[in-house]
Amino acid sequence: MTALRAAIEPEYTDEEIMARVRDGETQLLGTLFERYGERLYRYCWRMNQDRQLSEDLVQEAFCRALRFRSSFRDGHRFEPWIYSILRNLQMDHWRRKKFEGEWDEAMDVPGREETASEALNARQETALLHEAMRRLPPAKRELLIMARFEEMPHERIAEVLGCEAGAARVRLHRALASLRETYQSLLEGKRDA
């Protein structure tokens, strides 16, 4: 980290730093990358399950933030702005290539000690849940990832999506209902097999 970034980091908000980047201090974008790069990568990876693609999309998001820095407006928050850029890049990618990613065990959260039978059942249920998530349309999967994995409040999700918080809550509720329905369908198909 450069001395300039180290001096700026604790005393300026993301929005103040981005305003300075917009006004020509482009080297400060690195501070924002340090603050958001890993979080954006995790979000992206959870959407596409491809590490290299996730790294490339995050890097491209910051390149676009630099290229289109003049579009950052005072009074707006940086986080929804950069997530929107990344989201648009991801959607462009999906338009070019249908999502075919697989879920990874890294998505799983370790739990208490289980019996072999419980562990097998839990793995099977987790695999079904991952398959249900994979089958959701990208827009619904994205909402669930923002809310459940990134732990974004409805208001922040609304900012990223460009809608009202109430609309974000409704969309999230519908996404959860779709996930539940898809999961139940997979579970019934498993029982019938």
N, C-alpha and C. Protein backbone atom coordinates (compact mmCIF):
# COMPACT_ATOMS: atom_id res chain seq x y z
N MET A 1 0.86 -1.17 0.00
CA MET A 1 0.00 0.00 0.00
C MET A 1 0.90 1.23 0.00
N THR A 2 0.56 2.18 -0.84
CA THR A 2 1.39 3.37 -0.90
C THR A 2 1.13 4.25 0.32
N ALA A 3 2.07 5.15 0.58
CA ALA A 3 1.93 6.05 1.73
C ALA A 3 0.70 6.94 1.56
N LEU A 4 0.42 7.36 0.31
CA LEU A 4 -0.75 8.21 0.05
C LEU A 4 -2.04 7.48 0.40
N ARG A 5 -2.15 6.22 -0.06
CA ARG A 5 -3.37 5.46 0.23
C ARG A 5 -3.48 5.18 1.73
N ALA A 6 -2.39 4.86 2.37
CA ALA A 6 -2.41 4.59 3.81
C ALA A 6 -2.88 5.82 4.58
N ALA A 7 -2.47 7.00 4.11
CA ALA A 7 -2.87 8.24 4.78
C ALA A 7 -4.34 8.56 4.54
N ILE A 8 -4.85 8.20 3.37
CA ILE A 8 -6.22 8.55 3.01
C ILE A 8 -7.22 7.55 3.57
N GLU A 9 -6.84 6.30 3.60
CA GLU A 9 -7.78 5.23 3.94
C GLU A 9 -8.61 5.47 5.18
N PRO A 10 -8.03 5.76 6.34
CA PRO A 10 -8.87 5.86 7.53
C PRO A 10 -9.72 7.12 7.61
N GLU A 11 -9.33 8.16 6.92
CA GLU A 11 -10.04 9.42 7.17
C GLU A 11 -11.09 9.79 6.13
N TYR A 12 -11.19 9.07 5.01
CA TYR A 12 -12.17 9.42 3.99
C TYR A 12 -13.15 8.28 3.76
N THR A 13 -14.40 8.64 3.47
CA THR A 13 -15.40 7.64 3.14
C THR A 13 -15.15 7.15 1.72
N ASP A 14 -15.80 6.05 1.38
CA ASP A 14 -15.70 5.51 0.02
C ASP A 14 -16.15 6.56 -1.00
N GLU A 15 -17.21 7.25 -0.66
CA GLU A 15 -17.77 8.24 -1.58
C GLU A 15 -16.81 9.42 -1.78
N GLU A 16 -16.15 9.84 -0.71
CA GLU A 16 -15.18 10.93 -0.83
C GLU A 16 -13.98 10.49 -1.67
N ILE A 17 -13.54 9.27 -1.47
CA ILE A 17 -12.42 8.78 -2.27
C ILE A 17 -12.82 8.68 -3.74
N MET A 18 -14.02 8.15 -4.01
CA MET A 18 -14.45 8.02 -5.41
C MET A 18 -14.62 9.39 -6.04
N ALA A 19 -15.07 10.37 -5.28
CA ALA A 19 -15.19 11.73 -5.82
C ALA A 19 -13.80 12.25 -6.19
N ARG A 20 -12.80 11.94 -5.39
CA ARG A 20 -11.44 12.37 -5.70
C ARG A 20 -10.90 11.63 -6.92
N VAL A 21 -11.26 10.33 -7.06
CA VAL A 21 -10.87 9.58 -8.26
C VAL A 21 -11.52 10.23 -9.47
N ARG A 22 -12.79 10.54 -9.36
CA ARG A 22 -13.53 11.18 -10.45
C ARG A 22 -12.88 12.51 -10.84
N ASP A 23 -12.35 13.21 -9.84
CA ASP A 23 -11.75 14.51 -10.10
C ASP A 23 -10.29 14.43 -10.52
N GLY A 24 -9.77 13.21 -10.75
CA GLY A 24 -8.44 13.07 -11.32
C GLY A 24 -7.41 12.35 -10.49
N GLU A 25 -7.68 12.08 -9.22
CA GLU A 25 -6.72 11.36 -8.38
C GLU A 25 -6.95 9.86 -8.54
N THR A 26 -6.71 9.37 -9.76
CA THR A 26 -7.06 8.00 -10.12
C THR A 26 -6.31 6.95 -9.31
N GLN A 27 -5.14 7.27 -8.78
CA GLN A 27 -4.39 6.30 -8.00
C GLN A 27 -5.14 5.87 -6.73
N LEU A 28 -6.11 6.67 -6.31
CA LEU A 28 -6.86 6.35 -5.10
C LEU A 28 -7.86 5.21 -5.31
N LEU A 29 -8.10 4.84 -6.57
CA LEU A 29 -9.02 3.73 -6.83
C LEU A 29 -8.50 2.45 -6.17
N GLY A 30 -7.19 2.34 -6.01
CA GLY A 30 -6.60 1.18 -5.35
C GLY A 30 -7.10 1.01 -3.92
N THR A 31 -7.35 2.11 -3.24
CA THR A 31 -7.89 2.04 -1.87
C THR A 31 -9.26 1.39 -1.89
N LEU A 32 -10.08 1.77 -2.87
CA LEU A 32 -11.41 1.19 -2.98
C LEU A 32 -11.32 -0.28 -3.36
N PHE A 33 -10.35 -0.62 -4.21
CA PHE A 33 -10.16 -2.02 -4.56
C PHE A 33 -9.78 -2.82 -3.31
N GLU A 34 -8.92 -2.27 -2.49
CA GLU A 34 -8.53 -2.95 -1.25
C GLU A 34 -9.72 -3.14 -0.32
N ARG A 35 -10.63 -2.19 -0.31
CA ARG A 35 -11.80 -2.28 0.56
C ARG A 35 -12.85 -3.24 0.01
N TYR A 36 -13.00 -3.29 -1.30
CA TYR A 36 -14.13 -4.03 -1.88
C TYR A 36 -13.75 -5.22 -2.75
N GLY A 37 -12.51 -5.36 -3.14
CA GLY A 37 -12.13 -6.41 -4.08
C GLY A 37 -12.53 -7.80 -3.65
N GLU A 38 -12.20 -8.16 -2.42
CA GLU A 38 -12.50 -9.51 -1.93
C GLU A 38 -14.00 -9.75 -1.82
N ARG A 39 -14.73 -8.78 -1.32
CA ARG A 39 -16.18 -8.90 -1.17
C ARG A 39 -16.85 -9.06 -2.54
N LEU A 40 -16.42 -8.26 -3.51
CA LEU A 40 -16.98 -8.36 -4.85
C LEU A 40 -16.64 -9.70 -5.48
N TYR A 41 -15.42 -10.17 -5.23
CA TYR A 41 -15.02 -11.48 -5.76
C TYR A 41 -15.92 -12.58 -5.20
N ARG A 42 -16.15 -12.58 -3.88
CA ARG A 42 -17.00 -13.61 -3.27
C ARG A 42 -18.41 -13.58 -3.86
N TYR A 43 -18.96 -12.38 -3.98
CA TYR A 43 -20.29 -12.23 -4.58
C TYR A 43 -20.30 -12.81 -5.99
N CYS A 44 -19.33 -12.43 -6.78
CA CYS A 44 -19.26 -12.87 -8.16
C CYS A 44 -19.07 -14.39 -8.24
N TRP A 45 -18.18 -14.92 -7.42
CA TRP A 45 -17.92 -16.36 -7.44
C TRP A 45 -19.16 -17.15 -7.06
N ARG A 46 -19.91 -16.66 -6.11
CA ARG A 46 -21.13 -17.35 -5.71
C ARG A 46 -22.16 -17.34 -6.84
N MET A 47 -22.07 -16.36 -7.70
CA MET A 47 -23.00 -16.29 -8.83
C MET A 47 -22.58 -17.23 -9.96
N ASN A 48 -21.29 -17.37 -10.21
CA ASN A 48 -20.88 -18.12 -11.41
C ASN A 48 -20.01 -19.34 -11.15
N GLN A 49 -19.52 -19.51 -9.93
CA GLN A 49 -18.73 -20.68 -9.55
C GLN A 49 -17.45 -20.85 -10.38
N ASP A 50 -16.93 -19.77 -10.90
CA ASP A 50 -15.71 -19.82 -11.72
C ASP A 50 -14.73 -18.80 -11.16
N ARG A 51 -13.65 -19.29 -10.56
CA ARG A 51 -12.70 -18.39 -9.89
C ARG A 51 -12.05 -17.40 -10.85
N GLN A 52 -11.57 -17.91 -12.00
CA GLN A 52 -10.90 -17.04 -12.95
C GLN A 52 -11.86 -15.99 -13.52
N LEU A 53 -13.05 -16.42 -13.87
CA LEU A 53 -14.05 -15.48 -14.38
C LEU A 53 -14.38 -14.43 -13.33
N SER A 54 -14.51 -14.85 -12.08
CA SER A 54 -14.83 -13.91 -11.00
C SER A 54 -13.72 -12.87 -10.86
N GLU A 55 -12.48 -13.32 -10.87
CA GLU A 55 -11.35 -12.38 -10.78
C GLU A 55 -11.37 -11.41 -11.95
N ASP A 56 -11.60 -11.94 -13.16
CA ASP A 56 -11.62 -11.10 -14.36
C ASP A 56 -12.75 -10.07 -14.30
N LEU A 57 -13.94 -10.50 -13.85
CA LEU A 57 -15.07 -9.58 -13.80
C LEU A 57 -14.86 -8.49 -12.75
N VAL A 58 -14.28 -8.84 -11.61
CA VAL A 58 -14.01 -7.82 -10.58
C VAL A 58 -12.99 -6.83 -11.10
N GLN A 59 -11.94 -7.34 -11.74
CA GLN A 59 -10.94 -6.43 -12.30
C GLN A 59 -11.57 -5.52 -13.35
N GLU A 60 -12.40 -6.09 -14.20
CA GLU A 60 -13.06 -5.28 -15.23
C GLU A 60 -14.02 -4.27 -14.61
N ALA A 61 -14.66 -4.62 -13.50
CA ALA A 61 -15.56 -3.68 -12.83
C ALA A 61 -14.78 -2.45 -12.37
N PHE A 62 -13.59 -2.66 -11.82
CA PHE A 62 -12.79 -1.51 -11.38
C PHE A 62 -12.23 -0.74 -12.57
N CYS A 63 -11.93 -1.43 -13.65
CA CYS A 63 -11.49 -0.73 -14.87
C CYS A 63 -12.61 0.17 -15.39
N ARG A 64 -13.83 -0.36 -15.37
CA ARG A 64 -14.98 0.44 -15.82
C ARG A 64 -15.26 1.59 -14.84
N ALA A 65 -15.07 1.32 -13.56
CA ALA A 65 -15.26 2.40 -12.58
C ALA A 65 -14.30 3.53 -12.89
N LEU A 66 -13.09 3.18 -13.27
CA LEU A 66 -12.10 4.20 -13.63
C LEU A 66 -12.49 4.88 -14.94
N ARG A 67 -12.85 4.08 -15.93
CA ARG A 67 -13.19 4.61 -17.25
C ARG A 67 -14.44 5.51 -17.19
N PHE A 68 -15.41 5.12 -16.39
CA PHE A 68 -16.67 5.87 -16.31
C PHE A 68 -16.80 6.62 -14.99
N ARG A 69 -15.68 7.02 -14.43
CA ARG A 69 -15.68 7.70 -13.13
C ARG A 69 -16.50 8.98 -13.14
N SER A 70 -16.64 9.60 -14.29
CA SER A 70 -17.42 10.84 -14.37
C SER A 70 -18.90 10.59 -14.11
N SER A 71 -19.34 9.33 -14.20
CA SER A 71 -20.76 9.03 -13.95
C SER A 71 -21.07 8.87 -12.46
N PHE A 72 -20.02 8.85 -11.62
CA PHE A 72 -20.27 8.77 -10.18
C PHE A 72 -20.73 10.14 -9.70
N ARG A 73 -21.89 10.15 -9.05
CA ARG A 73 -22.48 11.43 -8.64
C ARG A 73 -22.35 11.64 -7.14
N ASP A 74 -22.13 12.90 -6.78
CA ASP A 74 -22.11 13.26 -5.36
C ASP A 74 -23.46 12.91 -4.75
N GLY A 75 -23.44 12.47 -3.51
CA GLY A 75 -24.68 12.11 -2.82
C GLY A 75 -25.08 10.67 -3.03
N HIS A 76 -24.41 9.96 -3.92
CA HIS A 76 -24.70 8.55 -4.14
C HIS A 76 -23.64 7.71 -3.43
N ARG A 77 -24.02 6.50 -3.06
CA ARG A 77 -23.10 5.62 -2.36
C ARG A 77 -22.23 4.85 -3.35
N PHE A 78 -20.98 4.62 -2.96
CA PHE A 78 -20.05 3.90 -3.83
C PHE A 78 -20.42 2.43 -3.95
N GLU A 79 -20.75 1.79 -2.82
CA GLU A 79 -20.97 0.35 -2.84
C GLU A 79 -22.04 -0.09 -3.83
N PRO A 80 -23.24 0.47 -3.83
CA PRO A 80 -24.23 0.05 -4.83
C PRO A 80 -23.77 0.36 -6.26
N TRP A 81 -23.03 1.43 -6.43
CA TRP A 81 -22.54 1.82 -7.76
C TRP A 81 -21.59 0.75 -8.30
N ILE A 82 -20.62 0.30 -7.50
CA ILE A 82 -19.65 -0.69 -7.97
C ILE A 82 -20.32 -2.05 -8.12
N TYR A 83 -21.26 -2.40 -7.22
CA TYR A 83 -22.00 -3.65 -7.38
C TYR A 83 -22.83 -3.63 -8.67
N SER A 84 -23.39 -2.49 -9.01
CA SER A 84 -24.17 -2.38 -10.25
C SER A 84 -23.29 -2.59 -11.47
N ILE A 85 -22.10 -2.04 -11.43
CA ILE A 85 -21.16 -2.24 -12.54
C ILE A 85 -20.84 -3.72 -12.68
N LEU A 86 -20.51 -4.37 -11.56
CA LEU A 86 -20.18 -5.80 -11.58
C LEU A 86 -21.38 -6.63 -12.03
N ARG A 87 -22.54 -6.27 -11.55
CA ARG A 87 -23.77 -6.98 -11.91
C ARG A 87 -24.01 -6.88 -13.41
N ASN A 88 -23.83 -5.72 -13.98
CA ASN A 88 -24.01 -5.56 -15.43
C ASN A 88 -23.00 -6.38 -16.21
N LEU A 89 -21.76 -6.42 -15.75
CA LEU A 89 -20.74 -7.24 -16.41
C LEU A 89 -21.13 -8.71 -16.36
N GLN A 90 -21.62 -9.13 -15.21
CA GLN A 90 -22.02 -10.53 -15.06
C GLN A 90 -23.19 -10.85 -15.98
N MET A 91 -24.16 -9.97 -16.07
CA MET A 91 -25.31 -10.20 -16.96
C MET A 91 -24.86 -10.24 -18.42
N ASP A 92 -23.93 -9.37 -18.78
CA ASP A 92 -23.39 -9.41 -20.15
C ASP A 92 -22.75 -10.77 -20.41
N HIS A 93 -22.02 -11.27 -19.43
CA HIS A 93 -21.39 -12.58 -19.58
C HIS A 93 -22.44 -13.66 -19.76
N TRP A 94 -23.52 -13.61 -18.97
CA TRP A 94 -24.56 -14.64 -19.07
C TRP A 94 -25.28 -14.57 -20.42
N ARG A 95 -25.41 -13.37 -20.95
CA ARG A 95 -26.04 -13.26 -22.26
C ARG A 95 -25.19 -13.94 -23.33
N ARG A 96 -23.86 -13.84 -23.15
CA ARG A 96 -22.94 -14.47 -24.12
C ARG A 96 -22.83 -15.97 -23.91
N LYS A 97 -22.92 -16.41 -22.70
CA LYS A 97 -22.75 -17.83 -22.41
C LYS A 97 -23.70 -18.23 -21.29
N LYS A 98 -24.53 -19.19 -21.55
CA LYS A 98 -25.48 -19.64 -20.55
C LYS A 98 -24.74 -20.14 -19.32
N PHE A 99 -25.24 -19.80 -18.14
CA PHE A 99 -24.63 -20.23 -16.88
C PHE A 99 -24.69 -21.75 -16.79
N GLU A 100 -23.52 -22.35 -16.54
CA GLU A 100 -23.46 -23.80 -16.39
C GLU A 100 -22.61 -24.19 -15.19
N GLY A 101 -22.36 -23.26 -14.29
CA GLY A 101 -21.47 -23.53 -13.16
C GLY A 101 -22.03 -24.55 -12.19
N GLU A 102 -21.14 -25.15 -11.47
CA GLU A 102 -21.50 -26.11 -10.43
C GLU A 102 -21.19 -25.50 -9.07
N TRP A 103 -21.92 -25.91 -8.07
CA TRP A 103 -21.65 -25.45 -6.72
C TRP A 103 -20.42 -26.15 -6.20
N ASP A 104 -19.75 -25.51 -5.30
CA ASP A 104 -18.50 -26.00 -4.75
C ASP A 104 -18.69 -26.24 -3.25
N GLU A 105 -17.94 -27.18 -2.71
CA GLU A 105 -18.03 -27.48 -1.29
C GLU A 105 -17.67 -26.26 -0.43
N ALA A 106 -16.93 -25.29 -0.97
CA ALA A 106 -16.55 -24.10 -0.21
C ALA A 106 -17.78 -23.29 0.18
N MET A 107 -18.92 -23.53 -0.49
CA MET A 107 -20.15 -22.83 -0.14
C MET A 107 -20.70 -23.34 1.19
N ASP A 108 -20.31 -24.55 1.58
CA ASP A 108 -20.86 -25.17 2.77
C ASP A 108 -20.24 -24.58 4.02
N VAL A 109 -21.05 -24.51 5.06
CA VAL A 109 -20.58 -24.01 6.35
C VAL A 109 -20.46 -25.21 7.29
N PRO A 110 -19.29 -25.41 7.91
CA PRO A 110 -19.14 -26.56 8.79
C PRO A 110 -20.09 -26.47 9.98
N GLY A 111 -20.57 -27.61 10.42
CA GLY A 111 -21.51 -27.63 11.53
C GLY A 111 -21.01 -28.46 12.68
N ARG A 112 -21.91 -28.88 13.53
CA ARG A 112 -21.56 -29.69 14.69
C ARG A 112 -21.17 -31.09 14.23
N GLU A 113 -20.65 -31.88 15.16
CA GLU A 113 -20.32 -33.28 14.87
C GLU A 113 -21.62 -34.02 14.55
N GLU A 114 -21.58 -34.83 13.51
CA GLU A 114 -22.78 -35.55 13.11
C GLU A 114 -22.47 -37.03 12.99
N THR A 115 -23.52 -37.83 13.07
CA THR A 115 -23.35 -39.24 12.80
C THR A 115 -23.14 -39.40 11.30
N ALA A 116 -22.69 -40.56 10.89
CA ALA A 116 -22.46 -40.81 9.47
C ALA A 116 -23.76 -40.65 8.68
N SER A 117 -24.85 -41.14 9.23
CA SER A 117 -26.15 -41.04 8.56
C SER A 117 -26.59 -39.57 8.44
N GLU A 118 -26.45 -38.82 9.54
CA GLU A 118 -26.81 -37.40 9.51
C GLU A 118 -25.94 -36.63 8.52
N ALA A 119 -24.65 -36.95 8.51
CA ALA A 119 -23.74 -36.26 7.59
C ALA A 119 -24.11 -36.55 6.15
N LEU A 120 -24.45 -37.81 5.84
CA LEU A 120 -24.86 -38.18 4.48
C LEU A 120 -26.14 -37.45 4.09
N ASN A 121 -27.12 -37.45 4.99
CA ASN A 121 -28.38 -36.74 4.72
C ASN A 121 -28.14 -35.25 4.51
N ALA A 122 -27.30 -34.67 5.35
CA ALA A 122 -27.01 -33.24 5.23
C ALA A 122 -26.33 -32.95 3.90
N ARG A 123 -25.38 -33.78 3.49
CA ARG A 123 -24.71 -33.57 2.20
C ARG A 123 -25.69 -33.70 1.04
N GLN A 124 -26.59 -34.67 1.13
CA GLN A 124 -27.59 -34.85 0.07
C GLN A 124 -28.53 -33.65 0.01
N GLU A 125 -28.96 -33.17 1.16
CA GLU A 125 -29.84 -32.00 1.20
C GLU A 125 -29.12 -30.76 0.67
N THR A 126 -27.85 -30.61 1.06
CA THR A 126 -27.06 -29.48 0.57
C THR A 126 -26.88 -29.56 -0.94
N ALA A 127 -26.61 -30.75 -1.45
CA ALA A 127 -26.46 -30.93 -2.90
C ALA A 127 -27.76 -30.57 -3.61
N LEU A 128 -28.90 -30.97 -3.04
CA LEU A 128 -30.19 -30.62 -3.64
C LEU A 128 -30.42 -29.11 -3.60
N LEU A 129 -30.06 -28.49 -2.49
CA LEU A 129 -30.22 -27.04 -2.37
C LEU A 129 -29.33 -26.32 -3.39
N HIS A 130 -28.10 -26.78 -3.53
CA HIS A 130 -27.19 -26.17 -4.52
C HIS A 130 -27.74 -26.34 -5.93
N GLU A 131 -28.29 -27.52 -6.22
CA GLU A 131 -28.88 -27.75 -7.54
C GLU A 131 -30.10 -26.84 -7.75
N ALA A 132 -30.90 -26.69 -6.70
CA ALA A 132 -32.06 -25.80 -6.80
C ALA A 132 -31.60 -24.36 -7.07
N MET A 133 -30.56 -23.91 -6.37
CA MET A 133 -30.02 -22.56 -6.61
C MET A 133 -29.52 -22.44 -8.05
N ARG A 134 -28.82 -23.46 -8.53
CA ARG A 134 -28.27 -23.43 -9.88
C ARG A 134 -29.37 -23.32 -10.92
N ARG A 135 -30.51 -23.93 -10.65
CA ARG A 135 -31.62 -23.93 -11.61
C ARG A 135 -32.42 -22.62 -11.61
N LEU A 136 -32.24 -21.81 -10.60
CA LEU A 136 -32.96 -20.53 -10.56
C LEU A 136 -32.46 -19.61 -11.68
N PRO A 137 -33.32 -18.75 -12.18
CA PRO A 137 -32.84 -17.73 -13.12
C PRO A 137 -31.80 -16.85 -12.43
N PRO A 138 -30.83 -16.35 -13.18
CA PRO A 138 -29.76 -15.55 -12.57
C PRO A 138 -30.26 -14.40 -11.69
N ALA A 139 -31.33 -13.73 -12.08
CA ALA A 139 -31.81 -12.60 -11.29
C ALA A 139 -32.27 -13.03 -9.90
N LYS A 140 -32.93 -14.19 -9.81
CA LYS A 140 -33.38 -14.68 -8.50
C LYS A 140 -32.20 -15.20 -7.70
N ARG A 141 -31.29 -15.91 -8.34
CA ARG A 141 -30.11 -16.42 -7.65
C ARG A 141 -29.30 -15.26 -7.09
N GLU A 142 -29.17 -14.20 -7.88
CA GLU A 142 -28.42 -13.02 -7.45
C GLU A 142 -29.03 -12.40 -6.19
N LEU A 143 -30.35 -12.27 -6.15
CA LEU A 143 -31.02 -11.72 -4.97
C LEU A 143 -30.72 -12.55 -3.73
N LEU A 144 -30.82 -13.86 -3.86
CA LEU A 144 -30.56 -14.73 -2.72
C LEU A 144 -29.11 -14.63 -2.25
N ILE A 145 -28.20 -14.53 -3.18
CA ILE A 145 -26.78 -14.40 -2.81
C ILE A 145 -26.53 -13.08 -2.10
N MET A 146 -27.10 -11.99 -2.63
CA MET A 146 -26.90 -10.69 -1.96
C MET A 146 -27.47 -10.71 -0.55
N ALA A 147 -28.67 -11.29 -0.40
CA ALA A 147 -29.34 -11.26 0.91
C ALA A 147 -28.75 -12.26 1.89
N ARG A 148 -28.52 -13.50 1.44
CA ARG A 148 -28.12 -14.56 2.36
C ARG A 148 -26.62 -14.69 2.54
N PHE A 149 -25.85 -14.59 1.48
CA PHE A 149 -24.41 -14.79 1.57
C PHE A 149 -23.67 -13.48 1.82
N GLU A 150 -24.07 -12.43 1.13
CA GLU A 150 -23.43 -11.14 1.32
C GLU A 150 -24.05 -10.35 2.47
N GLU A 151 -25.17 -10.83 2.98
CA GLU A 151 -25.88 -10.22 4.10
C GLU A 151 -26.18 -8.75 3.89
N MET A 152 -26.58 -8.42 2.67
CA MET A 152 -26.95 -7.04 2.36
C MET A 152 -28.37 -6.77 2.86
N PRO A 153 -28.59 -5.63 3.48
CA PRO A 153 -29.96 -5.27 3.87
C PRO A 153 -30.78 -4.94 2.62
N HIS A 154 -32.09 -5.01 2.76
CA HIS A 154 -32.99 -4.76 1.63
C HIS A 154 -32.72 -3.40 0.97
N GLU A 155 -32.40 -2.42 1.79
CA GLU A 155 -32.17 -1.08 1.25
C GLU A 155 -30.96 -1.06 0.32
N ARG A 156 -29.91 -1.77 0.69
CA ARG A 156 -28.70 -1.80 -0.15
C ARG A 156 -28.96 -2.61 -1.42
N ILE A 157 -29.70 -3.71 -1.30
CA ILE A 157 -30.06 -4.50 -2.48
C ILE A 157 -30.87 -3.63 -3.44
N ALA A 158 -31.78 -2.85 -2.88
CA ALA A 158 -32.59 -1.95 -3.70
C ALA A 158 -31.71 -0.95 -4.45
N GLU A 159 -30.70 -0.42 -3.78
CA GLU A 159 -29.79 0.52 -4.44
C GLU A 159 -29.06 -0.15 -5.59
N VAL A 160 -28.60 -1.38 -5.38
CA VAL A 160 -27.88 -2.11 -6.42
C VAL A 160 -28.80 -2.37 -7.61
N LEU A 161 -30.05 -2.76 -7.32
CA LEU A 161 -30.99 -3.09 -8.39
C LEU A 161 -31.66 -1.87 -9.00
N GLY A 162 -31.55 -0.73 -8.33
CA GLY A 162 -32.19 0.48 -8.84
C GLY A 162 -33.70 0.47 -8.64
N CYS A 163 -34.14 -0.02 -7.48
CA CYS A 163 -35.57 -0.06 -7.19
C CYS A 163 -35.79 0.36 -5.73
N GLU A 164 -37.03 0.38 -5.31
CA GLU A 164 -37.36 0.72 -3.93
C GLU A 164 -37.11 -0.48 -3.02
N ALA A 165 -36.89 -0.22 -1.73
CA ALA A 165 -36.63 -1.30 -0.77
C ALA A 165 -37.80 -2.28 -0.72
N GLY A 166 -39.02 -1.77 -0.80
CA GLY A 166 -40.20 -2.64 -0.80
C GLY A 166 -40.21 -3.59 -2.00
N ALA A 167 -39.81 -3.08 -3.15
CA ALA A 167 -39.74 -3.93 -4.35
C ALA A 167 -38.65 -4.99 -4.19
N ALA A 168 -37.54 -4.62 -3.58
CA ALA A 168 -36.47 -5.58 -3.35
C ALA A 168 -36.95 -6.69 -2.41
N ARG A 169 -37.70 -6.32 -1.37
CA ARG A 169 -38.24 -7.33 -0.44
C ARG A 169 -39.19 -8.28 -1.17
N VAL A 170 -40.05 -7.74 -2.03
CA VAL A 170 -40.99 -8.58 -2.77
C VAL A 170 -40.23 -9.52 -3.70
N ARG A 171 -39.23 -8.99 -4.41
CA ARG A 171 -38.44 -9.83 -5.31
C ARG A 171 -37.72 -10.93 -4.54
N LEU A 172 -37.18 -10.59 -3.38
CA LEU A 172 -36.49 -11.57 -2.56
C LEU A 172 -37.46 -12.64 -2.07
N HIS A 173 -38.65 -12.23 -1.64
CA HIS A 173 -39.66 -13.18 -1.21
C HIS A 173 -40.01 -14.14 -2.35
N ARG A 174 -40.16 -13.61 -3.55
CA ARG A 174 -40.48 -14.44 -4.72
C ARG A 174 -39.32 -15.38 -5.05
N ALA A 175 -38.10 -14.89 -4.92
CA ALA A 175 -36.93 -15.73 -5.18
C ALA A 175 -36.87 -16.88 -4.18
N LEU A 176 -37.16 -16.59 -2.90
CA LEU A 176 -37.18 -17.64 -1.88
C LEU A 176 -38.28 -18.66 -2.17
N ALA A 177 -39.44 -18.18 -2.61
CA ALA A 177 -40.54 -19.08 -2.95
C ALA A 177 -40.14 -19.97 -4.13
N SER A 178 -39.48 -19.40 -5.13
CA SER A 178 -39.01 -20.19 -6.28
C SER A 178 -37.99 -21.23 -5.85
N LEU A 179 -37.08 -20.83 -4.96
CA LEU A 179 -36.08 -21.77 -4.46
C LEU A 179 -36.75 -22.91 -3.71
N ARG A 180 -37.70 -22.57 -2.86
CA ARG A 180 -38.41 -23.59 -2.09
C ARG A 180 -39.13 -24.56 -3.03
N GLU A 181 -39.81 -24.01 -4.03
CA GLU A 181 -40.55 -24.84 -5.00
C GLU A 181 -39.60 -25.74 -5.79
N THR A 182 -38.49 -25.20 -6.24
CA THR A 182 -37.51 -25.98 -7.00
C THR A 182 -36.91 -27.06 -6.13
N TYR A 183 -36.58 -26.72 -4.89
CA TYR A 183 -36.01 -27.69 -3.96
C TYR A 183 -37.00 -28.82 -3.70
N GLN A 184 -38.26 -28.48 -3.45
CA GLN A 184 -39.28 -29.50 -3.19
C GLN A 184 -39.45 -30.42 -4.39
N SER A 185 -39.41 -29.85 -5.58
CA SER A 185 -39.52 -30.64 -6.80
C SER A 185 -38.36 -31.62 -6.94
N LEU A 186 -37.16 -31.14 -6.65
CA LEU A 186 -35.99 -32.02 -6.69
C LEU A 186 -36.07 -33.10 -5.62
N LEU A 187 -36.55 -32.75 -4.45
CA LEU A 187 -36.66 -33.70 -3.36
C LEU A 187 -37.68 -34.79 -3.69
N GLU A 188 -38.82 -34.39 -4.27
CA GLU A 188 -39.83 -35.36 -4.68
C GLU A 188 -39.31 -36.26 -5.79
N GLY A 189 -38.56 -35.68 -6.73
CA GLY A 189 -37.97 -36.48 -7.81
C GLY A 189 -36.98 -37.49 -7.26
N LYS A 190 -36.24 -37.12 -6.22
CA LYS A 190 -35.29 -38.02 -5.59
C LYS A 190 -36.00 -39.17 -4.90
N ARG A 191 -37.12 -38.87 -4.25
CA ARG A 191 -37.90 -39.90 -3.54
C ARG A 191 -38.50 -40.90 -4.53
N ASP A 192 -38.94 -40.37 -5.70
CA ASP A 192 -39.57 -41.22 -6.71
C ASP A 192 -38.56 -42.12 -7.40
N ALA A 193 -37.28 -41.70 -7.38
CA ALA A 193 -36.25 -42.48 -8.11
C ALA A 193 -35.83 -43.73 -7.38
